[in-house]
């Protein structure tokens, strides 16, 4: 069985300066309750890897507004004007990564690969300081894998072995991020016994999960 605990207990393992991958796409499929618990805990100087920075009052945006993030690695900042302001003032380090490149860097981090080749960014500011390789006459950037200390994954149903079902488009970054972190924490809406979840519905196998955060847990 995995560690099954409250949201508060799940984030108690996270210390200052940790790196955290947070699944979701503009708060769709995002572990919002884990983020709130982390905010309440007061952890700071974090490196956050996420598709976006959420909204000022929701998701990753709450951590930005509370000055808990040292560096943000993301592909989309539009819904949160606070990020642009803090980036321009030097309060927040921001690494902007094209969305497909971000997903692939995380995927290859989870798969143990040494990086990816992509033509995206050739001839732009994105290529600055990066290795360029020519394959069959075409240039590619070498993009390095992304890994993290923790990942927050949002599931609709999870069994006590950590096998998780993520519905529809909520899968977005959650699946690859579950693979690319040293410690994956799943926030689930429903917790069931082993065998109750149809194997065909498993989005994230339990082998990638260490902690299940369930709001009804009293353990």
N, C-alpha and C. Protein backbone atom coordinates (compact mmCIF):
# COMPACT_ATOMS: atom_id res chain seq x y z
N UNK A 1 0.83 -1.20 0.00
CA UNK A 1 0.00 0.00 0.00
C UNK A 1 0.87 1.25 0.00
N UNK A 2 0.36 2.30 -0.59
CA UNK A 2 1.06 3.58 -0.61
C UNK A 2 0.77 4.35 0.67
N UNK A 3 1.52 5.42 0.89
CA UNK A 3 1.21 6.33 1.99
C UNK A 3 -0.09 7.05 1.65
N UNK A 4 -1.08 6.93 2.51
CA UNK A 4 -2.37 7.58 2.30
C UNK A 4 -2.57 8.56 3.45
N UNK A 5 -2.73 9.83 3.13
CA UNK A 5 -2.75 10.83 4.20
C UNK A 5 -3.56 12.05 3.78
N UNK A 6 -3.66 12.98 4.69
CA UNK A 6 -4.36 14.23 4.41
C UNK A 6 -3.53 15.09 3.47
N UNK A 7 -4.15 16.08 2.91
CA UNK A 7 -3.45 17.04 2.05
C UNK A 7 -2.31 17.71 2.81
N UNK A 8 -2.59 18.10 4.04
CA UNK A 8 -1.59 18.78 4.86
C UNK A 8 -0.39 17.88 5.14
N UNK A 9 -0.64 16.62 5.45
CA UNK A 9 0.45 15.68 5.72
C UNK A 9 1.25 15.38 4.45
N UNK A 10 0.59 15.38 3.32
CA UNK A 10 1.26 15.07 2.06
C UNK A 10 2.31 16.13 1.72
N UNK A 11 1.98 17.40 1.95
CA UNK A 11 2.93 18.47 1.60
C UNK A 11 3.95 18.73 2.70
N UNK A 12 3.76 18.12 3.88
CA UNK A 12 4.71 18.31 4.98
C UNK A 12 6.11 17.81 4.62
N UNK A 13 6.18 16.93 3.62
CA UNK A 13 7.45 16.38 3.17
C UNK A 13 8.24 17.37 2.32
N UNK A 14 7.60 18.44 1.89
CA UNK A 14 8.22 19.37 0.96
C UNK A 14 8.89 20.51 1.73
N UNK A 15 10.17 20.67 1.51
CA UNK A 15 10.93 21.69 2.22
C UNK A 15 11.22 22.89 1.30
N UNK A 16 11.70 23.98 1.90
CA UNK A 16 12.10 25.15 1.13
C UNK A 16 13.10 24.75 0.05
N UNK A 17 13.02 25.42 -1.08
CA UNK A 17 13.95 25.24 -2.21
C UNK A 17 13.70 23.98 -3.02
N UNK A 18 12.62 23.27 -2.74
CA UNK A 18 12.30 22.07 -3.51
C UNK A 18 11.82 22.44 -4.91
N UNK A 19 11.93 21.48 -5.83
CA UNK A 19 11.37 21.65 -7.17
C UNK A 19 10.11 20.79 -7.28
N UNK A 20 9.07 21.37 -7.86
CA UNK A 20 7.77 20.69 -7.93
C UNK A 20 7.19 20.84 -9.33
N UNK A 21 6.81 19.72 -9.92
CA UNK A 21 6.02 19.73 -11.15
C UNK A 21 4.55 19.74 -10.77
N UNK A 22 3.78 20.62 -11.39
CA UNK A 22 2.36 20.71 -11.08
C UNK A 22 1.57 20.53 -12.37
N UNK A 23 0.85 19.41 -12.47
CA UNK A 23 0.08 19.12 -13.67
C UNK A 23 -1.09 20.07 -13.81
N UNK A 24 -1.68 20.06 -15.00
CA UNK A 24 -2.83 20.91 -15.25
C UNK A 24 -2.61 21.83 -16.43
N UNK A 25 -3.69 22.39 -16.92
CA UNK A 25 -3.66 23.31 -18.04
C UNK A 25 -4.61 24.45 -17.73
N UNK A 26 -4.07 25.59 -17.31
CA UNK A 26 -4.86 26.73 -16.85
C UNK A 26 -5.89 26.25 -15.80
N UNK A 27 -5.42 25.52 -14.84
CA UNK A 27 -6.17 25.00 -13.69
C UNK A 27 -7.05 23.80 -14.00
N UNK A 28 -7.19 23.41 -15.26
CA UNK A 28 -7.91 22.17 -15.59
C UNK A 28 -7.00 20.99 -15.29
N UNK A 29 -7.44 20.12 -14.38
CA UNK A 29 -6.61 18.98 -14.01
C UNK A 29 -5.48 19.35 -13.07
N UNK A 30 -5.62 20.42 -12.33
CA UNK A 30 -4.57 20.86 -11.41
C UNK A 30 -4.93 20.48 -9.98
N UNK A 31 -3.95 20.07 -9.21
CA UNK A 31 -4.17 19.67 -7.81
C UNK A 31 -4.30 20.92 -6.94
N UNK A 32 -5.44 21.58 -7.04
CA UNK A 32 -5.64 22.88 -6.40
C UNK A 32 -5.59 22.78 -4.87
N UNK A 33 -6.07 21.68 -4.31
CA UNK A 33 -6.09 21.55 -2.86
C UNK A 33 -4.68 21.30 -2.31
N UNK A 34 -3.85 20.60 -3.06
CA UNK A 34 -2.46 20.43 -2.64
C UNK A 34 -1.72 21.77 -2.68
N UNK A 35 -2.00 22.56 -3.69
CA UNK A 35 -1.38 23.89 -3.77
C UNK A 35 -1.79 24.74 -2.58
N UNK A 36 -3.07 24.69 -2.22
CA UNK A 36 -3.55 25.46 -1.06
C UNK A 36 -2.88 24.99 0.22
N UNK A 37 -2.70 23.67 0.35
CA UNK A 37 -2.05 23.13 1.55
C UNK A 37 -0.58 23.57 1.60
N UNK A 38 0.07 23.60 0.45
CA UNK A 38 1.47 24.04 0.39
C UNK A 38 1.57 25.52 0.74
N UNK A 39 0.62 26.29 0.26
CA UNK A 39 0.58 27.72 0.57
C UNK A 39 0.41 27.94 2.07
N UNK A 40 -0.50 27.18 2.68
CA UNK A 40 -0.76 27.28 4.11
C UNK A 40 0.48 26.89 4.92
N UNK A 41 1.24 25.93 4.42
CA UNK A 41 2.43 25.46 5.12
C UNK A 41 3.52 26.52 5.14
N UNK A 42 3.56 27.38 4.12
CA UNK A 42 4.56 28.45 4.10
C UNK A 42 5.84 28.12 3.39
N UNK A 43 5.92 27.00 2.69
CA UNK A 43 7.14 26.62 1.98
C UNK A 43 7.49 27.67 0.92
N UNK A 44 8.78 27.96 0.81
CA UNK A 44 9.20 29.07 -0.07
C UNK A 44 10.43 28.70 -0.88
N UNK A 45 10.85 29.66 -1.72
CA UNK A 45 12.02 29.50 -2.59
C UNK A 45 11.88 28.28 -3.50
N UNK A 46 10.70 28.06 -3.99
CA UNK A 46 10.40 26.87 -4.79
C UNK A 46 10.74 27.08 -6.26
N UNK A 47 11.07 25.98 -6.93
CA UNK A 47 11.12 25.96 -8.39
C UNK A 47 9.88 25.20 -8.85
N UNK A 48 9.03 25.87 -9.62
CA UNK A 48 7.79 25.27 -10.08
C UNK A 48 7.86 25.03 -11.58
N UNK A 49 7.52 23.83 -11.99
CA UNK A 49 7.45 23.47 -13.40
C UNK A 49 5.99 23.18 -13.71
N UNK A 50 5.40 24.00 -14.55
CA UNK A 50 3.98 23.88 -14.85
C UNK A 50 3.72 24.44 -16.23
N UNK A 51 2.65 23.98 -16.87
CA UNK A 51 2.32 24.55 -18.18
C UNK A 51 2.12 26.05 -18.10
N UNK A 52 1.52 26.52 -17.00
CA UNK A 52 1.19 27.93 -16.88
C UNK A 52 1.22 28.36 -15.42
N UNK A 53 0.94 29.63 -15.19
CA UNK A 53 0.97 30.18 -13.83
C UNK A 53 -0.42 30.37 -13.26
N UNK A 54 -1.42 29.72 -13.84
CA UNK A 54 -2.77 29.82 -13.31
C UNK A 54 -3.30 31.24 -13.37
N UNK A 55 -4.17 31.57 -12.43
CA UNK A 55 -4.72 32.91 -12.28
C UNK A 55 -4.19 33.52 -10.98
N UNK A 56 -4.28 34.83 -10.83
CA UNK A 56 -3.77 35.44 -9.59
C UNK A 56 -4.39 34.86 -8.33
N UNK A 57 -5.64 34.40 -8.41
CA UNK A 57 -6.33 33.91 -7.22
C UNK A 57 -6.59 32.40 -7.26
N UNK A 58 -5.88 31.69 -8.16
CA UNK A 58 -6.15 30.26 -8.29
C UNK A 58 -4.93 29.53 -8.81
N UNK A 59 -4.71 28.32 -8.28
CA UNK A 59 -3.63 27.47 -8.75
C UNK A 59 -2.26 28.02 -8.45
N UNK A 60 -1.33 27.82 -9.40
CA UNK A 60 0.05 28.27 -9.22
C UNK A 60 0.11 29.77 -8.95
N UNK A 61 -0.87 30.51 -9.47
CA UNK A 61 -0.91 31.95 -9.26
C UNK A 61 -0.93 32.36 -7.80
N UNK A 62 -1.52 31.54 -6.96
CA UNK A 62 -1.51 31.84 -5.52
C UNK A 62 -0.10 31.82 -4.96
N UNK A 63 0.70 30.86 -5.42
CA UNK A 63 2.09 30.77 -4.96
C UNK A 63 2.90 31.96 -5.48
N UNK A 64 2.62 32.37 -6.70
CA UNK A 64 3.29 33.55 -7.26
C UNK A 64 2.96 34.79 -6.43
N UNK A 65 1.67 34.98 -6.16
CA UNK A 65 1.23 36.15 -5.41
C UNK A 65 1.78 36.21 -4.00
N UNK A 66 2.03 35.05 -3.41
CA UNK A 66 2.55 34.99 -2.04
C UNK A 66 4.08 34.99 -2.00
N UNK A 67 4.71 35.16 -3.17
CA UNK A 67 6.18 35.20 -3.26
C UNK A 67 6.84 33.92 -2.75
N UNK A 68 6.23 32.79 -3.07
CA UNK A 68 6.79 31.50 -2.63
C UNK A 68 7.67 30.85 -3.70
N UNK A 69 7.65 31.40 -4.91
CA UNK A 69 8.36 30.78 -6.02
C UNK A 69 9.63 31.58 -6.34
N UNK A 70 10.74 30.87 -6.43
CA UNK A 70 12.00 31.49 -6.85
C UNK A 70 12.13 31.46 -8.37
N UNK A 71 11.75 30.31 -8.96
CA UNK A 71 11.86 30.16 -10.42
C UNK A 71 10.64 29.42 -10.94
N UNK A 72 10.13 29.90 -12.07
CA UNK A 72 8.98 29.27 -12.74
C UNK A 72 9.41 28.84 -14.13
N UNK A 73 9.20 27.57 -14.43
CA UNK A 73 9.45 27.04 -15.78
C UNK A 73 8.07 26.72 -16.37
N UNK A 74 7.69 27.44 -17.42
CA UNK A 74 6.33 27.32 -17.94
C UNK A 74 6.30 27.72 -19.41
N UNK A 75 5.15 27.47 -20.05
CA UNK A 75 5.02 27.82 -21.45
C UNK A 75 3.99 28.92 -21.69
N UNK A 76 3.15 29.21 -20.69
CA UNK A 76 2.03 30.11 -20.94
C UNK A 76 1.77 30.94 -19.69
N UNK A 77 1.87 32.26 -19.82
CA UNK A 77 1.72 33.15 -18.67
C UNK A 77 0.51 34.07 -18.78
N UNK A 78 -0.20 34.03 -19.90
CA UNK A 78 -1.25 34.98 -20.22
C UNK A 78 -2.28 35.28 -19.16
N UNK A 79 -2.86 34.26 -18.48
CA UNK A 79 -3.93 34.56 -17.52
C UNK A 79 -3.48 35.23 -16.24
N UNK A 80 -2.16 35.35 -16.03
CA UNK A 80 -1.66 35.87 -14.76
C UNK A 80 -0.71 37.05 -14.97
N UNK A 81 -1.22 38.27 -14.96
CA UNK A 81 -0.36 39.45 -15.17
C UNK A 81 0.68 39.64 -14.07
N UNK A 82 0.46 39.06 -12.90
CA UNK A 82 1.44 39.18 -11.81
C UNK A 82 2.79 38.62 -12.20
N UNK A 83 2.78 37.54 -13.01
CA UNK A 83 4.03 36.89 -13.40
C UNK A 83 4.88 37.82 -14.26
N UNK A 84 4.25 38.44 -15.26
CA UNK A 84 4.99 39.36 -16.11
C UNK A 84 5.58 40.51 -15.33
N UNK A 85 4.81 41.03 -14.39
CA UNK A 85 5.29 42.15 -13.58
C UNK A 85 6.48 41.73 -12.71
N UNK A 86 6.37 40.57 -12.06
CA UNK A 86 7.46 40.09 -11.20
C UNK A 86 8.69 39.69 -12.01
N UNK A 87 8.45 39.17 -13.20
CA UNK A 87 9.57 38.79 -14.07
C UNK A 87 10.34 40.04 -14.50
N UNK A 88 9.63 41.07 -14.90
CA UNK A 88 10.28 42.30 -15.37
C UNK A 88 10.99 43.05 -14.25
N UNK A 89 10.48 42.90 -13.03
CA UNK A 89 11.11 43.59 -11.90
C UNK A 89 12.27 42.80 -11.30
N UNK A 90 12.42 41.56 -11.74
CA UNK A 90 13.49 40.73 -11.20
C UNK A 90 13.12 39.96 -9.95
N UNK A 91 11.86 40.05 -9.53
CA UNK A 91 11.41 39.32 -8.33
C UNK A 91 11.26 37.82 -8.58
N UNK A 92 11.06 37.46 -9.83
CA UNK A 92 10.79 36.06 -10.17
C UNK A 92 11.59 35.66 -11.40
N UNK A 93 12.32 34.56 -11.30
CA UNK A 93 13.01 34.01 -12.47
C UNK A 93 12.00 33.21 -13.28
N UNK A 94 11.95 33.44 -14.57
CA UNK A 94 11.02 32.73 -15.44
C UNK A 94 11.77 32.15 -16.63
N UNK A 95 11.60 30.86 -16.86
CA UNK A 95 12.13 30.20 -18.05
C UNK A 95 10.93 29.82 -18.91
N UNK A 96 10.80 30.49 -20.06
CA UNK A 96 9.70 30.20 -20.97
C UNK A 96 10.12 29.09 -21.93
N UNK A 97 9.29 28.07 -22.03
CA UNK A 97 9.59 26.90 -22.87
C UNK A 97 8.40 26.66 -23.79
N UNK A 98 8.62 26.51 -25.10
CA UNK A 98 7.50 26.18 -25.97
C UNK A 98 6.74 24.95 -25.45
N UNK A 99 5.42 24.98 -25.58
CA UNK A 99 4.59 23.99 -24.89
C UNK A 99 4.93 22.53 -25.25
N UNK A 100 5.08 22.26 -26.53
CA UNK A 100 5.42 20.90 -26.93
C UNK A 100 6.79 20.48 -26.43
N UNK A 101 7.73 21.43 -26.44
CA UNK A 101 9.07 21.16 -25.93
C UNK A 101 9.03 20.88 -24.43
N UNK A 102 8.21 21.64 -23.71
CA UNK A 102 8.07 21.42 -22.27
C UNK A 102 7.57 20.01 -21.98
N UNK A 103 6.53 19.58 -22.69
CA UNK A 103 5.98 18.24 -22.49
C UNK A 103 7.01 17.17 -22.80
N UNK A 104 7.76 17.35 -23.88
CA UNK A 104 8.74 16.34 -24.27
C UNK A 104 9.95 16.31 -23.34
N UNK A 105 10.37 17.47 -22.83
CA UNK A 105 11.47 17.48 -21.87
C UNK A 105 11.08 16.74 -20.60
N UNK A 106 9.84 16.89 -20.17
CA UNK A 106 9.35 16.17 -18.98
C UNK A 106 9.25 14.68 -19.28
N UNK A 107 8.70 14.36 -20.45
CA UNK A 107 8.55 12.95 -20.81
C UNK A 107 9.90 12.24 -20.85
N UNK A 108 10.91 12.88 -21.46
CA UNK A 108 12.20 12.20 -21.55
C UNK A 108 12.90 12.17 -20.20
N UNK A 109 12.57 13.13 -19.32
CA UNK A 109 13.09 13.06 -17.96
C UNK A 109 12.57 11.84 -17.23
N UNK A 110 11.28 11.56 -17.41
CA UNK A 110 10.68 10.39 -16.78
C UNK A 110 11.15 9.09 -17.39
N UNK A 111 11.50 9.12 -18.66
CA UNK A 111 11.93 7.91 -19.36
C UNK A 111 13.43 7.65 -19.22
N UNK A 112 14.13 8.56 -18.57
CA UNK A 112 15.56 8.37 -18.37
C UNK A 112 16.40 8.67 -19.60
N UNK A 113 15.87 9.47 -20.52
CA UNK A 113 16.61 9.83 -21.72
C UNK A 113 17.47 11.06 -21.49
N UNK A 114 18.42 11.28 -22.39
CA UNK A 114 19.38 12.36 -22.20
C UNK A 114 18.97 13.68 -22.77
N UNK A 115 17.80 13.75 -23.42
CA UNK A 115 17.33 14.98 -24.01
C UNK A 115 16.54 14.71 -25.27
N UNK A 116 16.09 15.79 -25.92
CA UNK A 116 15.34 15.66 -27.15
C UNK A 116 15.93 16.57 -28.22
N UNK A 117 15.64 16.28 -29.47
CA UNK A 117 15.99 17.14 -30.59
C UNK A 117 14.70 17.75 -31.12
N UNK A 118 14.68 19.07 -31.27
CA UNK A 118 13.50 19.74 -31.79
C UNK A 118 13.91 20.92 -32.67
N UNK A 119 13.18 21.13 -33.77
CA UNK A 119 13.46 22.32 -34.59
C UNK A 119 12.83 23.58 -34.02
N UNK A 120 11.94 23.42 -33.03
CA UNK A 120 11.25 24.58 -32.45
C UNK A 120 12.24 25.49 -31.74
N UNK A 121 12.28 26.75 -32.15
CA UNK A 121 13.18 27.72 -31.54
C UNK A 121 14.41 28.04 -32.36
N UNK A 122 14.67 27.27 -33.40
CA UNK A 122 15.82 27.57 -34.26
C UNK A 122 15.64 28.97 -34.86
N UNK A 123 16.69 29.78 -34.77
CA UNK A 123 16.64 31.12 -35.33
C UNK A 123 15.96 32.14 -34.44
N UNK A 124 15.66 31.76 -33.18
CA UNK A 124 15.02 32.68 -32.24
C UNK A 124 15.85 32.78 -30.97
N UNK A 125 15.36 33.56 -30.01
CA UNK A 125 16.03 33.69 -28.71
C UNK A 125 16.09 32.36 -27.97
N UNK A 126 15.19 31.44 -28.31
CA UNK A 126 15.14 30.15 -27.63
C UNK A 126 16.44 29.37 -27.81
N UNK A 127 17.12 29.56 -28.94
CA UNK A 127 18.33 28.76 -29.22
C UNK A 127 19.58 29.27 -28.50
N UNK A 128 19.48 30.43 -27.88
CA UNK A 128 20.68 31.02 -27.26
C UNK A 128 21.28 30.11 -26.20
N UNK A 129 22.56 29.81 -26.34
CA UNK A 129 23.29 29.00 -25.37
C UNK A 129 23.05 27.51 -25.47
N UNK A 130 22.30 27.07 -26.50
CA UNK A 130 21.98 25.65 -26.62
C UNK A 130 22.74 25.01 -27.77
N UNK A 131 22.97 23.73 -27.63
CA UNK A 131 23.66 22.97 -28.67
C UNK A 131 22.72 22.77 -29.86
N UNK A 132 23.27 22.91 -31.07
CA UNK A 132 22.50 22.68 -32.29
C UNK A 132 23.13 21.51 -33.05
N UNK A 133 22.29 20.56 -33.44
CA UNK A 133 22.74 19.38 -34.17
C UNK A 133 22.05 19.34 -35.52
N UNK A 134 22.80 18.97 -36.55
CA UNK A 134 22.22 18.84 -37.88
C UNK A 134 21.98 17.36 -38.19
N UNK A 135 20.76 17.03 -38.55
CA UNK A 135 20.39 15.66 -38.91
C UNK A 135 19.73 15.70 -40.28
N UNK A 136 20.31 14.97 -41.24
CA UNK A 136 19.79 14.94 -42.61
C UNK A 136 19.57 16.34 -43.17
N UNK A 137 20.52 17.22 -42.88
CA UNK A 137 20.48 18.56 -43.42
C UNK A 137 19.57 19.53 -42.70
N UNK A 138 18.93 19.09 -41.61
CA UNK A 138 18.02 19.96 -40.86
C UNK A 138 18.58 20.21 -39.47
N UNK A 139 18.48 21.45 -39.01
CA UNK A 139 19.00 21.80 -37.69
C UNK A 139 17.99 21.54 -36.58
N UNK A 140 18.51 21.07 -35.44
CA UNK A 140 17.68 20.80 -34.27
C UNK A 140 18.37 21.35 -33.03
N UNK A 141 17.57 21.85 -32.10
CA UNK A 141 18.09 22.21 -30.78
C UNK A 141 18.12 20.98 -29.90
N UNK A 142 19.15 20.88 -29.07
CA UNK A 142 19.20 19.85 -28.04
C UNK A 142 18.57 20.43 -26.78
N UNK A 143 17.44 19.90 -26.37
CA UNK A 143 16.75 20.35 -25.17
C UNK A 143 16.91 19.30 -24.08
N UNK A 144 17.30 19.74 -22.90
CA UNK A 144 17.63 18.81 -21.82
C UNK A 144 16.38 18.32 -21.09
N UNK A 145 16.46 17.13 -20.49
CA UNK A 145 15.31 16.59 -19.77
C UNK A 145 14.99 17.40 -18.52
N UNK A 146 13.73 17.37 -18.12
CA UNK A 146 13.30 18.03 -16.89
C UNK A 146 12.85 16.98 -15.89
N UNK A 147 13.35 17.12 -14.66
CA UNK A 147 12.94 16.25 -13.55
C UNK A 147 12.69 17.15 -12.35
N UNK A 148 12.07 16.61 -11.31
CA UNK A 148 11.78 17.42 -10.12
C UNK A 148 11.81 16.54 -8.88
N UNK A 149 11.89 17.21 -7.73
CA UNK A 149 11.83 16.49 -6.45
C UNK A 149 10.43 15.89 -6.23
N UNK A 150 9.41 16.69 -6.54
CA UNK A 150 8.02 16.27 -6.32
C UNK A 150 7.18 16.59 -7.55
N UNK A 151 6.07 15.87 -7.68
CA UNK A 151 5.06 16.27 -8.65
C UNK A 151 3.69 16.18 -7.99
N UNK A 152 2.82 17.13 -8.36
CA UNK A 152 1.43 17.13 -7.91
C UNK A 152 0.57 16.67 -9.08
N UNK A 153 -0.13 15.57 -8.89
CA UNK A 153 -0.99 15.01 -9.93
C UNK A 153 -2.42 14.98 -9.42
N UNK A 154 -3.35 15.41 -10.24
CA UNK A 154 -4.77 15.43 -9.87
C UNK A 154 -5.48 14.25 -10.52
N UNK A 155 -6.10 13.39 -9.69
CA UNK A 155 -6.84 12.23 -10.18
C UNK A 155 -8.30 12.32 -9.77
N UNK A 156 -9.16 11.71 -10.56
CA UNK A 156 -10.56 11.61 -10.20
C UNK A 156 -10.81 10.41 -9.29
N UNK A 157 -10.12 9.29 -9.61
CA UNK A 157 -10.22 8.08 -8.79
C UNK A 157 -8.82 7.49 -8.65
N UNK A 158 -8.51 7.03 -7.44
CA UNK A 158 -7.22 6.38 -7.20
C UNK A 158 -7.46 5.20 -6.26
N UNK A 159 -6.80 4.07 -6.54
CA UNK A 159 -6.92 2.97 -5.59
C UNK A 159 -5.77 3.04 -4.60
N UNK A 160 -5.81 2.19 -3.60
CA UNK A 160 -4.84 2.28 -2.52
C UNK A 160 -3.45 1.80 -2.92
N UNK A 161 -3.31 1.29 -4.14
CA UNK A 161 -2.00 0.95 -4.68
C UNK A 161 -1.42 2.08 -5.53
N UNK A 162 -2.16 3.18 -5.62
CA UNK A 162 -1.67 4.34 -6.36
C UNK A 162 -2.05 4.40 -7.82
N UNK A 163 -2.78 3.39 -8.31
CA UNK A 163 -3.24 3.43 -9.69
C UNK A 163 -4.33 4.50 -9.81
N UNK A 164 -4.14 5.43 -10.74
CA UNK A 164 -5.00 6.60 -10.79
C UNK A 164 -5.70 6.75 -12.14
N UNK A 165 -6.96 7.15 -12.08
CA UNK A 165 -7.73 7.48 -13.27
C UNK A 165 -7.88 8.99 -13.36
N UNK A 166 -7.47 9.54 -14.50
CA UNK A 166 -7.59 10.98 -14.76
C UNK A 166 -8.49 11.13 -15.98
N UNK A 167 -9.58 11.84 -15.83
CA UNK A 167 -10.59 11.90 -16.89
C UNK A 167 -10.23 12.88 -18.00
N UNK A 168 -10.49 12.46 -19.21
CA UNK A 168 -10.50 13.31 -20.41
C UNK A 168 -9.28 14.23 -20.50
N UNK A 169 -9.52 15.53 -20.79
CA UNK A 169 -8.40 16.44 -21.04
C UNK A 169 -7.61 16.77 -19.78
N UNK A 170 -8.12 16.37 -18.61
CA UNK A 170 -7.37 16.59 -17.37
C UNK A 170 -6.06 15.81 -17.34
N UNK A 171 -5.94 14.85 -18.26
CA UNK A 171 -4.68 14.09 -18.31
C UNK A 171 -3.51 15.02 -18.63
N UNK A 172 -3.73 15.97 -19.54
CA UNK A 172 -2.71 16.93 -20.01
C UNK A 172 -1.30 16.63 -19.51
N UNK A 173 -0.75 17.44 -18.62
CA UNK A 173 0.63 17.25 -18.15
C UNK A 173 0.74 16.26 -16.99
N UNK A 174 -0.38 15.85 -16.43
CA UNK A 174 -0.33 15.01 -15.23
C UNK A 174 0.39 13.69 -15.46
N UNK A 175 0.14 13.05 -16.58
CA UNK A 175 0.70 11.72 -16.82
C UNK A 175 2.22 11.76 -16.93
N UNK A 176 2.74 12.66 -17.74
CA UNK A 176 4.21 12.70 -17.89
C UNK A 176 4.89 13.20 -16.62
N UNK A 177 4.24 14.10 -15.89
CA UNK A 177 4.85 14.61 -14.66
C UNK A 177 4.90 13.55 -13.57
N UNK A 178 3.94 12.64 -13.57
CA UNK A 178 3.96 11.55 -12.59
C UNK A 178 5.20 10.70 -12.74
N UNK A 179 5.72 10.61 -13.96
CA UNK A 179 6.89 9.79 -14.24
C UNK A 179 8.21 10.50 -13.96
N UNK A 180 8.20 11.83 -13.95
CA UNK A 180 9.46 12.58 -13.98
C UNK A 180 9.89 13.14 -12.63
N UNK A 181 9.19 12.79 -11.57
CA UNK A 181 9.55 13.31 -10.25
C UNK A 181 10.04 12.19 -9.34
N UNK A 182 10.89 12.57 -8.41
CA UNK A 182 11.37 11.60 -7.43
C UNK A 182 10.24 11.13 -6.52
N UNK A 183 9.29 12.03 -6.24
CA UNK A 183 8.20 11.72 -5.31
C UNK A 183 6.90 12.29 -5.88
N UNK A 184 6.02 11.43 -6.36
CA UNK A 184 4.75 11.87 -6.93
C UNK A 184 3.65 11.77 -5.89
N UNK A 185 2.93 12.88 -5.73
CA UNK A 185 1.80 12.95 -4.81
C UNK A 185 0.53 13.09 -5.64
N UNK A 186 -0.41 12.18 -5.44
CA UNK A 186 -1.67 12.22 -6.16
C UNK A 186 -2.76 12.77 -5.25
N UNK A 187 -3.40 13.85 -5.68
CA UNK A 187 -4.60 14.35 -5.01
C UNK A 187 -5.81 13.71 -5.70
N UNK A 188 -6.61 12.97 -4.96
CA UNK A 188 -7.71 12.26 -5.59
C UNK A 188 -9.06 12.66 -5.00
N UNK A 189 -10.07 12.65 -5.86
CA UNK A 189 -11.43 12.93 -5.40
C UNK A 189 -12.06 11.72 -4.74
N UNK A 190 -11.65 10.53 -5.19
CA UNK A 190 -12.24 9.29 -4.68
C UNK A 190 -11.15 8.26 -4.46
N UNK A 191 -11.18 7.58 -3.34
CA UNK A 191 -10.21 6.53 -3.03
C UNK A 191 -10.93 5.19 -2.94
N UNK A 192 -10.44 4.19 -3.69
CA UNK A 192 -11.10 2.89 -3.74
C UNK A 192 -10.10 1.78 -3.39
N UNK A 193 -10.64 0.61 -3.12
CA UNK A 193 -9.81 -0.55 -2.79
C UNK A 193 -9.12 -1.08 -4.05
N UNK A 194 -7.98 -1.76 -3.90
CA UNK A 194 -7.32 -2.38 -5.04
C UNK A 194 -8.28 -3.33 -5.76
N UNK A 195 -8.29 -3.26 -7.07
CA UNK A 195 -9.18 -4.10 -7.86
C UNK A 195 -10.49 -3.43 -8.24
N UNK A 196 -10.84 -2.34 -7.54
CA UNK A 196 -12.10 -1.66 -7.84
C UNK A 196 -12.00 -0.77 -9.07
N UNK A 197 -10.78 -0.40 -9.45
CA UNK A 197 -10.58 0.45 -10.62
C UNK A 197 -10.24 -0.43 -11.82
N UNK A 198 -11.04 -0.34 -12.86
CA UNK A 198 -10.83 -1.11 -14.08
C UNK A 198 -9.44 -0.80 -14.64
N UNK A 199 -8.61 -1.81 -14.86
CA UNK A 199 -7.26 -1.57 -15.39
C UNK A 199 -7.25 -0.76 -16.68
N UNK A 200 -8.32 -0.88 -17.47
CA UNK A 200 -8.39 -0.13 -18.71
C UNK A 200 -8.55 1.37 -18.48
N UNK A 201 -8.89 1.76 -17.27
CA UNK A 201 -9.10 3.18 -16.95
C UNK A 201 -7.89 3.79 -16.23
N UNK A 202 -6.84 3.02 -16.03
CA UNK A 202 -5.67 3.53 -15.30
C UNK A 202 -4.87 4.48 -16.20
N UNK A 203 -4.78 5.72 -15.79
CA UNK A 203 -4.01 6.73 -16.53
C UNK A 203 -2.56 6.79 -16.03
N UNK A 204 -2.38 6.66 -14.72
CA UNK A 204 -1.06 6.66 -14.10
C UNK A 204 -0.91 5.38 -13.27
N UNK A 205 -0.01 4.47 -13.65
CA UNK A 205 0.21 3.26 -12.86
C UNK A 205 0.78 3.59 -11.48
N UNK A 206 0.38 2.80 -10.50
CA UNK A 206 0.80 3.04 -9.13
C UNK A 206 2.29 3.00 -8.89
N UNK A 207 3.05 2.38 -9.80
CA UNK A 207 4.50 2.29 -9.63
C UNK A 207 5.14 3.68 -9.60
N UNK A 208 4.48 4.68 -10.17
CA UNK A 208 5.03 6.03 -10.19
C UNK A 208 4.61 6.87 -8.99
N UNK A 209 3.73 6.35 -8.15
CA UNK A 209 3.11 7.14 -7.08
C UNK A 209 3.66 6.74 -5.72
N UNK A 210 4.00 7.72 -4.88
CA UNK A 210 4.46 7.43 -3.52
C UNK A 210 3.42 7.81 -2.47
N UNK A 211 2.70 8.91 -2.69
CA UNK A 211 1.76 9.40 -1.69
C UNK A 211 0.41 9.68 -2.33
N UNK A 212 -0.65 9.30 -1.62
CA UNK A 212 -2.02 9.60 -2.05
C UNK A 212 -2.61 10.58 -1.04
N UNK A 213 -2.95 11.74 -1.52
CA UNK A 213 -3.53 12.77 -0.65
C UNK A 213 -5.05 12.75 -0.84
N UNK A 214 -5.75 12.46 0.23
CA UNK A 214 -7.20 12.31 0.17
C UNK A 214 -7.79 13.14 1.29
N UNK A 215 -8.66 14.06 0.95
CA UNK A 215 -9.16 15.03 1.95
C UNK A 215 -9.94 14.38 3.07
N UNK A 216 -10.45 13.14 2.84
CA UNK A 216 -11.23 12.46 3.88
C UNK A 216 -10.36 11.56 4.76
N UNK A 217 -9.05 11.53 4.48
CA UNK A 217 -8.17 10.66 5.24
C UNK A 217 -7.96 11.21 6.65
N UNK A 218 -7.95 10.30 7.63
CA UNK A 218 -7.70 10.70 9.02
C UNK A 218 -6.43 10.04 9.53
N UNK A 219 -5.65 9.50 8.61
CA UNK A 219 -4.45 8.77 9.01
C UNK A 219 -3.30 9.72 9.27
